[in-house]
Amino acid sequence: MALATMLYLVVNARLLFLNPETRLHDFEKICDYPSTEESRAMASEVRSLTIMSFLPPQYEENSWPKDFWNRGLALEACTYD
């Protein structure tokens, strides 16, 4: 609920704009957490959005993700049907 409250305040202050397709536009339904499936899905979106939006980027200063994927490509090319 703390994350939901923080997100609610940030959206109402117009510091963050939500995608029109998100289920978070009917924000009051999160108060039913964890009793309804919709509130659990909303809580999942809130957690994901909070982590994605407010934590500093971790991979911009670190080269290991790029090195990891490039090494995989060097070992075997990606193919799909």
N, C-alpha and C. Protein backbone atom coordinates (compact mmCIF):
# COMPACT_ATOMS: atom_id res chain seq x y z
N MET A 1 0.82 -1.20 0.00
CA MET A 1 0.00 0.00 0.00
C MET A 1 0.86 1.26 0.00
N ALA A 2 2.06 1.15 0.60
CA ALA A 2 2.95 2.31 0.60
C ALA A 2 3.39 2.65 -0.82
N LEU A 3 3.73 1.63 -1.60
CA LEU A 3 4.11 1.89 -2.99
C LEU A 3 2.94 2.44 -3.80
N ALA A 4 1.76 1.90 -3.56
CA ALA A 4 0.57 2.38 -4.27
C ALA A 4 0.29 3.84 -3.92
N THR A 5 0.44 4.19 -2.66
CA THR A 5 0.22 5.58 -2.24
C THR A 5 1.24 6.51 -2.89
N MET A 6 2.49 6.08 -2.90
CA MET A 6 3.54 6.90 -3.52
C MET A 6 3.24 7.10 -5.00
N LEU A 7 2.88 6.03 -5.69
CA LEU A 7 2.58 6.12 -7.11
C LEU A 7 1.36 7.00 -7.35
N TYR A 8 0.35 6.88 -6.52
CA TYR A 8 -0.85 7.71 -6.64
C TYR A 8 -0.49 9.20 -6.52
N LEU A 9 0.35 9.53 -5.57
CA LEU A 9 0.75 10.93 -5.38
C LEU A 9 1.58 11.45 -6.55
N VAL A 10 2.46 10.63 -7.05
CA VAL A 10 3.32 11.04 -8.17
C VAL A 10 2.48 11.27 -9.44
N VAL A 11 1.51 10.39 -9.66
CA VAL A 11 0.64 10.54 -10.84
C VAL A 11 -0.24 11.78 -10.69
N ASN A 12 -0.80 12.00 -9.52
CA ASN A 12 -1.66 13.18 -9.32
C ASN A 12 -0.87 14.48 -9.36
N ALA A 13 0.40 14.43 -9.04
CA ALA A 13 1.25 15.63 -9.13
C ALA A 13 1.73 15.86 -10.57
N ARG A 14 1.32 14.96 -11.46
CA ARG A 14 1.70 15.02 -12.88
C ARG A 14 3.21 14.93 -13.09
N LEU A 15 3.85 14.15 -12.23
CA LEU A 15 5.28 13.88 -12.40
C LEU A 15 5.50 12.58 -13.17
N LEU A 16 4.43 11.80 -13.30
CA LEU A 16 4.47 10.54 -14.04
C LEU A 16 3.14 10.39 -14.75
N PHE A 17 3.18 10.03 -16.01
CA PHE A 17 1.97 9.84 -16.79
C PHE A 17 1.82 8.36 -17.11
N LEU A 18 0.62 7.83 -16.87
CA LEU A 18 0.35 6.42 -17.09
C LEU A 18 -0.11 6.17 -18.51
N ASN A 19 0.26 5.02 -19.04
CA ASN A 19 -0.21 4.58 -20.34
C ASN A 19 -1.73 4.41 -20.27
N PRO A 20 -2.46 4.85 -21.28
CA PRO A 20 -3.92 4.72 -21.25
C PRO A 20 -4.40 3.26 -21.16
N GLU A 21 -3.56 2.31 -21.55
CA GLU A 21 -3.96 0.90 -21.53
C GLU A 21 -3.73 0.23 -20.18
N THR A 22 -3.12 0.92 -19.23
CA THR A 22 -2.83 0.30 -17.95
C THR A 22 -4.09 0.13 -17.11
N ARG A 23 -4.09 -0.88 -16.27
CA ARG A 23 -5.23 -1.08 -15.37
C ARG A 23 -5.18 -0.16 -14.17
N LEU A 24 -4.13 0.64 -14.05
CA LEU A 24 -3.95 1.51 -12.89
C LEU A 24 -4.82 2.76 -12.92
N HIS A 25 -5.59 2.97 -13.98
CA HIS A 25 -6.46 4.14 -14.02
C HIS A 25 -7.63 4.02 -13.04
N ASP A 26 -8.00 2.82 -12.68
CA ASP A 26 -9.06 2.59 -11.69
C ASP A 26 -8.38 2.24 -10.37
N PHE A 27 -7.61 3.19 -9.86
CA PHE A 27 -6.66 2.96 -8.79
C PHE A 27 -7.30 2.56 -7.46
N GLU A 28 -8.55 2.92 -7.24
CA GLU A 28 -9.20 2.63 -5.97
C GLU A 28 -9.36 1.13 -5.73
N LYS A 29 -9.37 0.34 -6.80
CA LYS A 29 -9.55 -1.11 -6.67
C LYS A 29 -8.35 -1.78 -6.00
N ILE A 30 -7.23 -1.10 -5.90
CA ILE A 30 -6.07 -1.69 -5.25
C ILE A 30 -6.31 -1.85 -3.74
N CYS A 31 -7.28 -1.12 -3.22
CA CYS A 31 -7.61 -1.25 -1.79
C CYS A 31 -8.15 -2.64 -1.46
N ASP A 32 -8.59 -3.40 -2.45
CA ASP A 32 -9.10 -4.76 -2.23
C ASP A 32 -7.98 -5.79 -2.15
N TYR A 33 -6.73 -5.36 -2.28
CA TYR A 33 -5.60 -6.27 -2.24
C TYR A 33 -5.54 -6.98 -0.90
N PRO A 34 -5.31 -8.23 -0.83
CA PRO A 34 -5.07 -9.26 -1.84
C PRO A 34 -6.29 -10.11 -2.14
N SER A 35 -7.50 -9.64 -1.84
CA SER A 35 -8.67 -10.50 -2.01
C SER A 35 -9.14 -10.73 -3.44
N THR A 36 -8.84 -9.83 -4.35
CA THR A 36 -9.31 -10.01 -5.73
C THR A 36 -8.14 -10.18 -6.69
N GLU A 37 -8.45 -10.87 -7.78
CA GLU A 37 -7.43 -11.10 -8.81
C GLU A 37 -6.98 -9.77 -9.42
N GLU A 38 -7.94 -8.88 -9.66
CA GLU A 38 -7.61 -7.58 -10.26
C GLU A 38 -6.69 -6.76 -9.35
N SER A 39 -6.95 -6.77 -8.06
CA SER A 39 -6.10 -6.01 -7.14
C SER A 39 -4.70 -6.60 -7.06
N ARG A 40 -4.58 -7.93 -7.15
CA ARG A 40 -3.25 -8.56 -7.16
C ARG A 40 -2.49 -8.20 -8.43
N ALA A 41 -3.19 -8.15 -9.56
CA ALA A 41 -2.55 -7.75 -10.82
C ALA A 41 -2.12 -6.29 -10.76
N MET A 42 -2.96 -5.46 -10.16
CA MET A 42 -2.61 -4.04 -10.02
C MET A 42 -1.39 -3.88 -9.12
N ALA A 43 -1.35 -4.63 -8.02
CA ALA A 43 -0.20 -4.55 -7.12
C ALA A 43 1.08 -4.98 -7.83
N SER A 44 0.97 -5.96 -8.69
CA SER A 44 2.13 -6.39 -9.47
C SER A 44 2.60 -5.27 -10.39
N GLU A 45 1.67 -4.59 -11.03
CA GLU A 45 2.03 -3.45 -11.88
C GLU A 45 2.66 -2.32 -11.08
N VAL A 46 2.12 -2.07 -9.91
CA VAL A 46 2.67 -1.00 -9.05
C VAL A 46 4.11 -1.33 -8.68
N ARG A 47 4.36 -2.57 -8.26
CA ARG A 47 5.73 -2.96 -7.89
C ARG A 47 6.66 -2.84 -9.08
N SER A 48 6.22 -3.33 -10.23
CA SER A 48 7.05 -3.26 -11.43
C SER A 48 7.34 -1.83 -11.85
N LEU A 49 6.32 -1.01 -11.86
CA LEU A 49 6.47 0.39 -12.26
C LEU A 49 7.36 1.15 -11.29
N THR A 50 7.22 0.87 -10.01
CA THR A 50 8.03 1.55 -9.01
C THR A 50 9.50 1.21 -9.17
N ILE A 51 9.79 -0.05 -9.33
CA ILE A 51 11.18 -0.48 -9.50
C ILE A 51 11.75 0.11 -10.79
N MET A 52 10.96 0.05 -11.86
CA MET A 52 11.43 0.52 -13.15
C MET A 52 11.62 2.03 -13.18
N SER A 53 10.77 2.78 -12.50
CA SER A 53 10.77 4.23 -12.61
C SER A 53 11.69 4.95 -11.64
N PHE A 54 11.86 4.39 -10.46
CA PHE A 54 12.50 5.17 -9.42
C PHE A 54 13.87 4.67 -8.99
N LEU A 55 14.27 3.50 -9.43
CA LEU A 55 15.62 3.05 -9.11
C LEU A 55 16.58 3.55 -10.18
N PRO A 56 17.81 3.84 -9.81
CA PRO A 56 18.77 4.31 -10.82
C PRO A 56 19.11 3.18 -11.79
N PRO A 57 19.41 3.52 -13.04
CA PRO A 57 19.80 2.49 -14.00
C PRO A 57 21.07 1.78 -13.54
N GLN A 58 21.08 0.47 -13.66
CA GLN A 58 22.21 -0.29 -13.16
C GLN A 58 23.16 -0.75 -14.27
N TYR A 59 22.68 -0.78 -15.49
CA TYR A 59 23.48 -1.39 -16.53
C TYR A 59 24.21 -0.40 -17.42
N GLU A 60 23.95 0.87 -17.28
CA GLU A 60 24.61 1.84 -18.14
C GLU A 60 26.10 1.93 -17.85
N GLU A 61 26.48 1.77 -16.58
CA GLU A 61 27.88 1.90 -16.23
C GLU A 61 28.59 0.56 -16.12
N ASN A 62 27.87 -0.52 -16.38
CA ASN A 62 28.44 -1.84 -16.25
C ASN A 62 28.44 -2.52 -17.62
N SER A 63 29.54 -3.11 -18.01
CA SER A 63 29.63 -3.71 -19.34
C SER A 63 29.29 -5.19 -19.37
N TRP A 64 29.05 -5.81 -18.21
CA TRP A 64 28.87 -7.26 -18.22
C TRP A 64 27.64 -7.72 -19.01
N PRO A 65 26.47 -7.03 -19.03
CA PRO A 65 25.36 -7.54 -19.83
C PRO A 65 25.69 -7.60 -21.32
N LYS A 66 26.33 -6.56 -21.81
CA LYS A 66 26.71 -6.54 -23.23
C LYS A 66 27.73 -7.64 -23.52
N ASP A 67 28.72 -7.78 -22.65
CA ASP A 67 29.72 -8.83 -22.82
C ASP A 67 29.09 -10.22 -22.75
N PHE A 68 28.14 -10.40 -21.85
CA PHE A 68 27.46 -11.69 -21.69
C PHE A 68 26.75 -12.09 -22.98
N TRP A 69 25.93 -11.18 -23.53
CA TRP A 69 25.16 -11.52 -24.73
C TRP A 69 26.05 -11.64 -25.95
N ASN A 70 27.08 -10.82 -26.05
CA ASN A 70 27.99 -10.94 -27.19
C ASN A 70 28.77 -12.25 -27.14
N ARG A 71 29.11 -12.71 -25.95
CA ARG A 71 29.81 -14.00 -25.82
C ARG A 71 28.89 -15.13 -26.26
N GLY A 72 27.62 -15.05 -25.90
CA GLY A 72 26.66 -16.06 -26.33
C GLY A 72 26.54 -16.10 -27.85
N LEU A 73 26.52 -14.93 -28.48
CA LEU A 73 26.46 -14.88 -29.94
C LEU A 73 27.73 -15.43 -30.58
N ALA A 74 28.87 -15.22 -29.93
CA ALA A 74 30.13 -15.74 -30.46
C ALA A 74 30.16 -17.27 -30.38
N LEU A 75 29.55 -17.84 -29.34
CA LEU A 75 29.53 -19.29 -29.19
C LEU A 75 28.57 -19.94 -30.18
N GLU A 76 27.40 -19.34 -30.35
CA GLU A 76 26.41 -19.92 -31.24
C GLU A 76 25.45 -18.84 -31.72
N ALA A 77 25.26 -18.78 -33.01
CA ALA A 77 24.35 -17.77 -33.57
C ALA A 77 22.91 -18.07 -33.19
N CYS A 78 22.12 -17.03 -33.03
CA CYS A 78 20.70 -17.20 -32.72
C CYS A 78 19.94 -17.54 -33.99
N THR A 79 19.16 -18.59 -33.92
CA THR A 79 18.30 -18.95 -35.05
C THR A 79 16.90 -19.23 -34.52
N TYR A 80 15.93 -19.00 -35.34
CA TYR A 80 14.55 -19.29 -34.97
C TYR A 80 13.79 -19.64 -36.23
N ASP A 81 12.66 -20.32 -36.03
CA ASP A 81 11.84 -20.74 -37.16
C ASP A 81 10.81 -19.71 -37.49
